[in-house]
Structures are given as C-alpha cells and as structure tokens.
Protein backbone atom coordinates (compact mmCIF):
# COMPACT_ATOMS: atom_id res chain seq x y z
CA UNK A 1 64.97 146.68 152.14
CA UNK A 2 66.15 149.97 153.42
CA UNK A 3 65.25 153.51 154.11
CA UNK A 4 67.20 156.34 152.58
CA UNK A 5 66.72 158.89 149.85
CA UNK A 6 67.75 159.11 146.25
CA UNK A 7 68.86 162.41 144.76
CA UNK A 8 65.46 162.80 143.21
CA UNK A 9 62.21 160.99 142.62
CA UNK A 10 60.23 160.50 139.45
CA UNK A 11 58.51 163.77 138.61
CA UNK A 12 57.07 163.52 135.12
CA UNK A 13 57.56 160.89 132.46
CA UNK A 14 61.10 161.83 131.49
CA UNK A 15 62.63 163.81 134.32
CA UNK A 16 63.59 163.81 137.98
CA UNK A 17 62.84 166.39 140.62
CA UNK A 18 65.65 168.88 140.86
CA UNK A 19 67.07 170.71 143.89
CA UNK A 20 64.63 173.58 143.41
CA UNK A 21 61.04 172.68 144.16
CA UNK A 22 58.96 172.27 141.03
CA UNK A 23 61.91 171.99 138.64
CA UNK A 24 62.68 168.90 136.57
CA UNK A 25 65.96 167.56 135.20
CA UNK A 26 65.77 165.70 131.86
CA UNK A 27 67.49 162.36 131.39
CA UNK A 28 70.41 163.81 129.43
CA UNK A 29 71.37 165.97 132.43
CA UNK A 30 71.54 165.61 136.18
CA UNK A 31 73.39 163.02 138.23
CA UNK A 32 76.28 161.21 136.44
CA UNK A 33 75.71 157.97 138.35
CA UNK A 34 74.56 154.76 136.68
CA UNK A 35 70.92 155.25 135.64
CA UNK A 36 71.03 158.32 137.93
CA UNK A 37 70.80 156.08 140.98
CA UNK A 38 71.78 157.47 144.39
CA UNK A 39 75.40 157.26 145.42
CA UNK A 40 76.30 154.70 148.06
CA UNK A 41 76.92 157.45 150.60
CA UNK A 42 73.42 158.90 150.07
CA UNK A 43 71.44 155.97 151.49
CA UNK A 44 71.47 154.21 154.83
CA UNK A 45 71.80 150.78 153.29
CA UNK A 46 71.53 149.01 149.95
CA UNK A 47 70.95 145.60 148.37
CA UNK A 48 72.96 145.95 145.14
CA UNK A 49 75.91 148.21 144.36
CA UNK A 50 77.18 149.11 140.89
CA UNK A 51 80.95 149.63 140.96
CA UNK A 52 83.37 150.83 138.29
CA UNK A 53 86.76 149.15 137.88
CA UNK A 54 88.60 151.38 135.37
CA UNK A 55 91.63 149.14 134.75
CA UNK A 56 92.89 147.78 131.43
CA UNK A 57 96.50 146.91 132.22
CA UNK A 58 95.81 143.24 131.48
CA UNK A 59 94.69 143.85 127.89
CA UNK A 60 96.51 141.91 125.20
CA UNK A 61 95.25 143.70 122.07
CA UNK A 62 93.36 147.01 121.86
CA UNK A 63 93.50 149.05 125.09
CA UNK A 64 90.92 151.55 126.34
CA UNK A 65 88.59 149.59 128.66
CA UNK A 66 89.72 151.84 131.52
CA UNK A 67 87.23 154.32 130.08
CA UNK A 68 84.42 151.74 130.12
CA UNK A 69 82.76 152.63 133.45
CA UNK A 70 82.39 156.30 132.51
CA UNK A 71 81.02 155.43 129.06
CA UNK A 72 78.53 152.91 130.46
CA UNK A 73 77.27 155.39 133.03
CA UNK A 74 76.82 157.99 130.31
CA UNK A 75 74.94 155.54 128.08
CA UNK A 76 72.72 154.51 131.01
CA UNK A 77 71.06 157.92 130.81
CA UNK A 78 69.19 156.48 127.83
CA UNK A 79 67.55 153.81 130.00
CA UNK A 80 64.04 154.09 131.42
CA UNK A 81 64.65 151.88 134.43
CA UNK A 82 61.42 152.37 136.36
CA UNK A 83 59.77 149.16 135.06
CA UNK A 84 61.15 146.14 133.22
CA UNK A 85 58.24 144.76 131.14
CA UNK A 86 59.98 141.52 130.11
CA UNK A 87 60.82 140.61 133.71
CA UNK A 88 57.67 142.22 135.14
CA UNK A 89 59.52 144.07 137.87
CA UNK A 90 60.21 147.62 138.98
CA UNK A 91 63.72 146.71 140.16
CA UNK A 92 64.72 149.96 141.78
CA UNK A 93 61.52 150.06 143.82
CA UNK A 94 61.91 146.48 144.99
CA UNK A 95 65.58 146.65 146.02
CA UNK A 96 67.85 149.55 146.84
CA UNK A 97 70.51 149.84 144.14
CA UNK A 98 73.33 152.38 144.45
CA UNK A 99 76.31 153.60 142.48
CA UNK A 100 79.49 152.92 144.45
CA UNK A 101 81.77 155.00 142.23
CA UNK A 102 85.08 153.76 140.85
CA UNK A 103 87.94 151.79 142.37
CA UNK A 104 91.12 153.93 142.43
CA UNK A 105 93.22 151.53 140.33
CA UNK A 106 96.97 151.84 139.76
CA UNK A 107 97.27 151.93 135.94
CA UNK A 108 100.94 150.85 136.01
CA UNK A 109 100.84 147.72 138.23
CA UNK A 110 98.58 144.76 137.56
CA UNK A 111 99.19 143.20 140.97
CA UNK A 112 98.57 146.40 142.91
CA UNK A 113 95.43 147.18 140.88
CA UNK A 114 94.04 143.72 141.59
CA UNK A 115 94.67 144.17 145.30
CA UNK A 116 92.92 147.55 145.21
CA UNK A 117 89.88 146.06 143.45
CA UNK A 118 89.80 143.18 145.92
CA UNK A 119 89.87 145.50 148.96
CA UNK A 120 87.29 147.86 147.51
CA UNK A 121 84.91 145.06 146.51
CA UNK A 122 85.31 143.38 149.92
CA UNK A 123 83.93 146.52 151.55
CA UNK A 124 80.77 146.32 149.42
CA UNK A 125 79.98 142.57 149.43
CA UNK A 126 78.27 140.68 152.23
CA UNK A 127 75.58 138.04 152.64
CA UNK A 128 72.98 140.77 152.02
CA UNK A 129 74.90 143.10 149.69
CA UNK A 130 75.51 142.10 146.07
CA UNK A 131 77.90 143.75 143.64
CA UNK A 132 77.78 144.36 139.88
CA UNK A 133 81.08 145.66 138.54
CA UNK A 134 81.64 147.50 135.27
CA UNK A 135 85.13 147.07 133.80
CA UNK A 136 87.75 147.57 132.79
CA UNK A 137 89.24 144.53 131.14
CA UNK A 138 88.46 140.98 132.20
CA UNK A 139 91.43 140.83 134.57
CA UNK A 140 89.23 142.58 137.14
CA UNK A 141 87.09 139.44 137.52
CA UNK A 142 89.82 137.67 139.53
CA UNK A 143 89.81 140.00 142.56
CA UNK A 144 86.02 140.22 142.37
CA UNK A 145 85.77 136.43 142.61
CA UNK A 146 88.15 136.50 145.57
CA UNK A 147 85.95 139.03 147.38
CA UNK A 148 82.75 137.07 146.65
CA UNK A 149 84.38 133.81 147.81
CA UNK A 150 85.12 135.20 151.26
CA UNK A 151 81.37 135.60 151.76
CA UNK A 152 79.81 132.80 149.73
CA UNK A 153 82.61 130.30 149.21
CA UNK A 154 83.34 128.79 145.77
CA UNK A 155 80.85 129.76 143.08
CA UNK A 156 79.56 128.43 139.78
CA UNK A 157 80.80 130.74 137.04
CA UNK A 158 78.49 131.56 134.12
CA UNK A 159 80.81 133.21 131.64
CA UNK A 160 79.52 134.95 128.50
CA UNK A 161 82.48 135.63 126.19
CA UNK A 162 83.97 135.05 122.77
CA UNK A 163 87.10 133.67 124.46
CA UNK A 164 87.83 131.01 127.07
CA UNK A 165 90.10 133.23 129.22
CA UNK A 166 91.74 130.11 130.67
CA UNK A 167 95.18 130.46 129.05
CA UNK A 168 98.29 130.31 131.22
CA UNK A 169 100.45 133.35 130.46
CA UNK A 170 101.02 136.15 127.97
CA UNK A 171 104.70 137.08 127.56
CA UNK A 172 105.32 135.66 131.01
CA UNK A 173 102.45 137.57 132.67
CA UNK A 174 100.15 135.22 134.59
CA UNK A 175 97.39 137.70 135.48
CA UNK A 176 95.85 139.14 132.34
CA UNK A 177 92.41 139.36 130.79
CA UNK A 178 93.02 136.03 129.00
CA UNK A 179 94.21 134.04 132.03
CA UNK A 180 91.77 135.14 134.69
CA UNK A 181 89.66 131.98 134.99
CA UNK A 182 92.62 129.62 134.97
CA UNK A 183 93.89 131.53 138.00
CA UNK A 184 90.41 131.38 139.56
CA UNK A 185 90.38 127.59 139.13
CA UNK A 186 93.88 127.26 140.61
CA UNK A 187 92.89 129.37 143.61
CA UNK A 188 89.85 127.21 144.34
CA UNK A 189 87.38 130.03 143.70
CA UNK A 190 85.05 127.92 141.51
CA UNK A 191 82.77 125.02 142.43
CA UNK A 192 84.26 121.99 140.74
CA UNK A 193 82.49 120.99 137.50
CA UNK A 194 79.75 123.62 137.79
CA UNK A 195 81.08 126.43 135.54
CA UNK A 196 80.26 127.10 131.90
CA UNK A 197 81.36 129.34 129.03
CA UNK A 198 78.65 130.66 126.68
CA UNK A 199 79.26 132.29 123.29
CA UNK A 200 82.78 131.00 122.64
CA UNK A 201 83.96 131.31 119.04
CA UNK A 202 86.93 132.13 116.85
CA UNK A 203 90.24 130.34 116.29
CA UNK A 204 92.47 129.18 119.15
CA UNK A 205 96.21 129.07 119.73
CA UNK A 206 96.10 125.28 119.87
CA UNK A 207 93.63 122.41 120.20
CA UNK A 208 95.18 121.77 123.61
CA UNK A 209 93.43 124.94 124.83
CA UNK A 210 90.12 123.06 124.83
CA UNK A 211 91.62 120.07 126.61
CA UNK A 212 93.09 122.30 129.30
CA UNK A 213 89.81 124.18 129.70
CA UNK A 214 87.87 120.95 130.21
CA UNK A 215 90.42 119.88 132.82
CA UNK A 216 89.62 123.06 134.76
CA UNK A 217 86.00 121.90 135.03
CA UNK A 218 84.37 124.05 132.36
CA UNK A 219 81.72 123.17 129.83
CA UNK A 220 81.57 125.15 126.59
CA UNK A 221 78.57 126.36 124.62
CA UNK A 222 79.87 127.84 121.40
CA UNK A 223 78.10 130.76 119.76
CA UNK A 224 76.94 128.56 116.89
CA UNK A 225 75.32 126.12 119.32
CA UNK A 226 72.59 128.69 119.89
CA UNK A 227 71.41 128.05 116.31
CA UNK A 228 71.05 124.34 117.09
CA UNK A 229 69.84 124.40 120.69
CA UNK A 230 67.78 127.57 120.75
CA UNK A 231 67.59 129.91 123.72
CA UNK A 232 65.73 127.46 125.94
CA UNK A 233 68.16 124.65 125.09
CA UNK A 234 71.15 126.78 126.05
CA UNK A 235 69.47 127.88 129.27
CA UNK A 236 68.63 124.28 130.16
CA UNK A 237 72.31 123.41 129.88
CA UNK A 238 73.34 126.41 131.96
CA UNK A 239 70.79 125.72 134.70
CA UNK A 240 71.71 122.02 134.81
CA UNK A 241 75.39 122.90 135.00
CA UNK A 242 75.19 125.37 137.89
CA UNK A 243 72.62 123.38 139.86
CA UNK A 244 71.90 124.94 143.23
CA UNK A 245 75.36 126.51 143.63
CA UNK A 246 75.78 130.25 144.15
CA UNK A 247 76.34 131.84 140.73
CA UNK A 248 78.78 134.52 139.65
CA UNK A 249 77.94 135.99 136.23
CA UNK A 250 80.71 137.43 134.08
CA UNK A 251 79.78 139.12 130.79
CA UNK A 252 82.50 140.14 128.36
CA UNK A 253 80.74 142.47 125.95
CA UNK A 254 82.61 140.83 123.06
CA UNK A 255 80.20 137.90 123.39
CA UNK A 256 78.16 140.12 121.08
CA UNK A 257 79.02 140.19 117.40
CA UNK A 258 81.09 143.26 116.41
CA UNK A 259 78.03 144.50 114.54
CA UNK A 260 76.36 144.97 117.94
CA UNK A 261 79.45 145.77 120.05
CA UNK A 262 82.29 147.26 118.00
CA UNK A 263 83.76 149.07 121.01
CA UNK A 264 85.78 146.27 122.54
CA UNK A 265 89.40 145.19 122.64
CA UNK A 266 89.31 141.76 120.97
CA UNK A 267 86.27 141.49 118.68
CA UNK A 268 85.38 138.15 117.05
CA UNK A 269 82.98 137.58 114.17
CA UNK A 270 79.94 135.35 114.56
CA UNK A 271 78.72 136.45 117.97
CA UNK A 272 75.30 136.84 119.54
CA UNK A 273 72.89 139.61 118.64
CA UNK A 274 71.87 142.00 121.38
CA UNK A 275 68.40 140.45 121.51
CA UNK A 276 69.84 136.93 121.87
CA UNK A 277 72.10 137.97 124.72
CA UNK A 278 69.29 139.69 126.60
CA UNK A 279 66.97 136.70 126.19
CA UNK A 280 69.65 134.40 127.57
CA UNK A 281 70.39 136.67 130.52
CA UNK A 282 66.72 137.05 131.39
CA UNK A 283 66.38 133.29 131.72
CA UNK A 284 69.16 132.92 134.30
CA UNK A 285 68.35 132.02 137.93
CA UNK A 286 68.42 135.50 139.45
CA UNK A 287 67.87 134.27 142.99
CA UNK A 288 71.20 132.39 142.79
CA UNK A 289 73.23 135.37 141.58
CA UNK A 290 75.71 136.52 144.22
CA UNK A 291 77.73 138.86 142.00
CA UNK A 292 78.38 139.90 138.42
CA UNK A 293 80.61 141.90 136.15
CA UNK A 294 80.27 143.45 132.68
CA UNK A 295 83.66 144.10 131.12
CA UNK A 296 85.74 144.99 128.05
CA UNK A 297 83.83 148.08 126.87
CA UNK A 298 86.44 150.16 125.06
CA UNK A 299 84.63 153.34 124.00
CA UNK A 300 87.40 154.62 121.69
CA UNK A 301 86.37 151.91 119.20
CA UNK A 302 82.65 152.41 119.70
CA UNK A 303 80.18 154.11 117.39
CA UNK A 304 77.18 156.14 118.57
CA UNK A 305 77.43 154.55 122.07
CA UNK A 306 76.28 151.19 120.63
CA UNK A 307 78.58 149.11 122.84
CA UNK A 308 78.18 151.29 125.92
CA UNK A 309 74.40 151.13 125.66
CA UNK A 310 74.55 147.35 125.29
CA UNK A 311 76.64 147.09 128.46
CA UNK A 312 74.40 149.52 130.36
CA UNK A 313 71.36 147.47 129.40
CA UNK A 314 73.07 144.28 130.57
CA UNK A 315 73.84 145.89 133.94
CA UNK A 316 70.22 147.01 134.24
CA UNK A 317 68.93 143.55 133.36
CA UNK A 318 71.19 141.96 135.97
CA UNK A 319 69.84 144.32 138.64
CA UNK A 320 66.33 143.34 137.54
CA UNK A 321 67.24 139.65 137.86
CA UNK A 322 68.60 140.27 141.34
CA UNK A 323 65.38 142.10 142.26
CA UNK A 324 63.37 139.03 141.22
CA UNK A 325 61.21 138.78 138.09
CA UNK A 326 57.47 139.06 138.59
CA UNK A 327 54.72 136.53 137.77
CA UNK A 328 54.18 137.91 134.26
CA UNK A 329 57.86 137.73 133.28
CA UNK A 330 58.32 136.93 129.58
CA UNK A 331 61.56 134.97 129.73
CA UNK A 332 62.70 131.78 128.08
CA UNK A 333 62.68 130.07 131.46
CA UNK A 334 60.05 129.75 134.21
CA UNK A 335 59.55 132.97 136.13
CA UNK A 336 61.20 133.37 139.50
CA UNK A 337 58.63 134.09 142.23
CA UNK A 338 58.37 137.75 143.12
CA UNK A 339 59.99 138.87 146.31
CA UNK A 340 58.50 140.93 149.12
CA UNK A 341 59.45 143.66 151.50
CA UNK A 342 59.40 147.41 151.86
CA UNK A 343 60.35 149.45 148.84
CA UNK A 344 63.66 151.31 148.83
CA UNK A 345 64.47 154.84 147.86
CA UNK A 346 63.11 155.46 144.36
CA UNK A 347 65.59 156.34 141.60
CA UNK A 348 64.70 158.58 138.68
CA UNK A 349 62.51 157.39 135.82
C-alpha cells in the first residue's frame, strides 16, 4: 500500500471535496478519470492502474472502439465505488488504484500501435503493479499479454467473448481483433492447456475453426452451456482449467447479448445478461489475476450509455477482485480471504 493523495476525498454521500474548502463536486462533474480516481502522476505509488488503449485499426466489421476509453470513463461517473456489497470490499481504500491515461496509438499502423501499447504497458506493469486496460478493439490484448509475460511469464487466459479470436488472417492481415489469441499461442505467451473461452456463440467460418482452437490449447464454454451448467458449474470448469497459474482476464463486451451491450463492433445474439456476466466475474480467483482488459466498446452504436456502463462496471468489479473480496462476499465461489495493509489514498464516493 502506498501514501499519496487523490484529487479529493469523500465529502458527502454523492460528492467529492473541491479545490475550494467546503465546496463539493457532484458525480456528474469534476475529474474525467475513471471513477474520478487520481491520475498516476498524482500519487507516489499504486497497486492497480487503469489504462486506455484507443485503437480500433484491427476491427473487421463496425469501427469505433477507439472512442471506448473515453466513453467508459464518462459512464464510470455513474458508479458509487466506495464499497462493493457483493464482494464485501472497499476496493479503493484497500489498494491504490489510479488512472494512467491513454496510450498515444498510431491510428494508421497496426504494428506501430501494438508496439506503442506494449511499451506503455511495460512501464506500468511489475510484480507489484497490475494493469487493467480499456480498449479499443481486441487487437490490443496481444501487446498487453507481451508486457505481462515479461514480468510473470506465460499466463492462463480466461477469455469472455462471443468469438474465439483464434483465426489466422483477415485479408492477409495477421494481427487483428480476430487473430489475437492465435498469435499469443504462437508466441508462447499462454500456459499450455490452461486457457479457456467463455460465452462463445454464433456461426463460424468452418468447423475446422474449433479443431484449430483446441490445438492451441483452449477449452470452450459456449453461452448456452450456462443454462445447463449454471454459474457455479461454469466457474468450477474455469477454476479447474487455470489451476494455480497466473491469470490474465480478457473481456470482450460482446460476450453480453446485444440487448445488454448494443454498442459493439460485432454483436451476436444469444449472449449473457449483465447479471450473469457479473456473477461469473465475481467468482473468479482474484488473487491470481495479474492483468486484465475490457475491450470492443463502440459508443457510436450504443444507446443511453448501456454498453459503456456495462464495461465501466466490469472494470470496477475487476479492481474489486484484485483488492480481495471480504469474508461476507456473496459470490458463486468461496470467498477469497481479505488482504491487509495500510489504506491508500481515498478516491471519491
């Protein structure tokens, strides 16, 4: 835990203390950072950083995810992040979480943008600093996995998505949002036979896609399997699959049904509800999480910030998992023991 100050501290049920003594700033105003957390340059140290990766040059259908980080930050104003009742934790009092801004991505070159994301992420990740990245399209996961691997070695990937993202190329391009985890496998970034897709659905290009995916060491839990297995059954399979390996969590917001996340580039019918996704996430082994991303929010196709709010809530829940659920956590899985240590700088309510 660290010392250091946030821009403001809780001062009333719905505001933060402003720059003038005695004034309050309501949630719809004030700092534009995620959940109005302090910026990375405003604290001496941190445990978790939230980073934006505004790149969508690897998108194969509807573009616009480059605007995702800004939309998710805006929607996060709606959160009340002081206490997470389902995980029984005040995450931003237990660990210092900061907003690390956006990666300056080249919008015209996939390769250069991936190098920029890799370098930027490498400066934020260490054995005591974890990173949650908001995309951007799913291509950004490849450089993030590279940066995490330099610190933790190969990881078990828990991948929530409607799509496998293990295809080979699109129109000759080998690094796109649909090929990212095939490249990760080829580069040795994943622990062999410990990774899993959750929420897969929709038609495929060919039956061979499933054969190839299995050869890359993935297991698949299709969206409809949740109806048969239930939340605890799915979580049992995930926990068994990852074992004691370090876990990287990648959440494509299109794992949600379009009714719950219309603002995305490649929507597929028959997805999870928001409640189902949150219950699954809250049962993951937070103490094993070494990094995460939430991607494919395309706000131009959104309505009333539905998708952006879903993504912001997922980011918040992941920070709560990393902080460590408390003894009264109401999750589908056994609670993770609460951590200890000095409290960090307090973010706004």
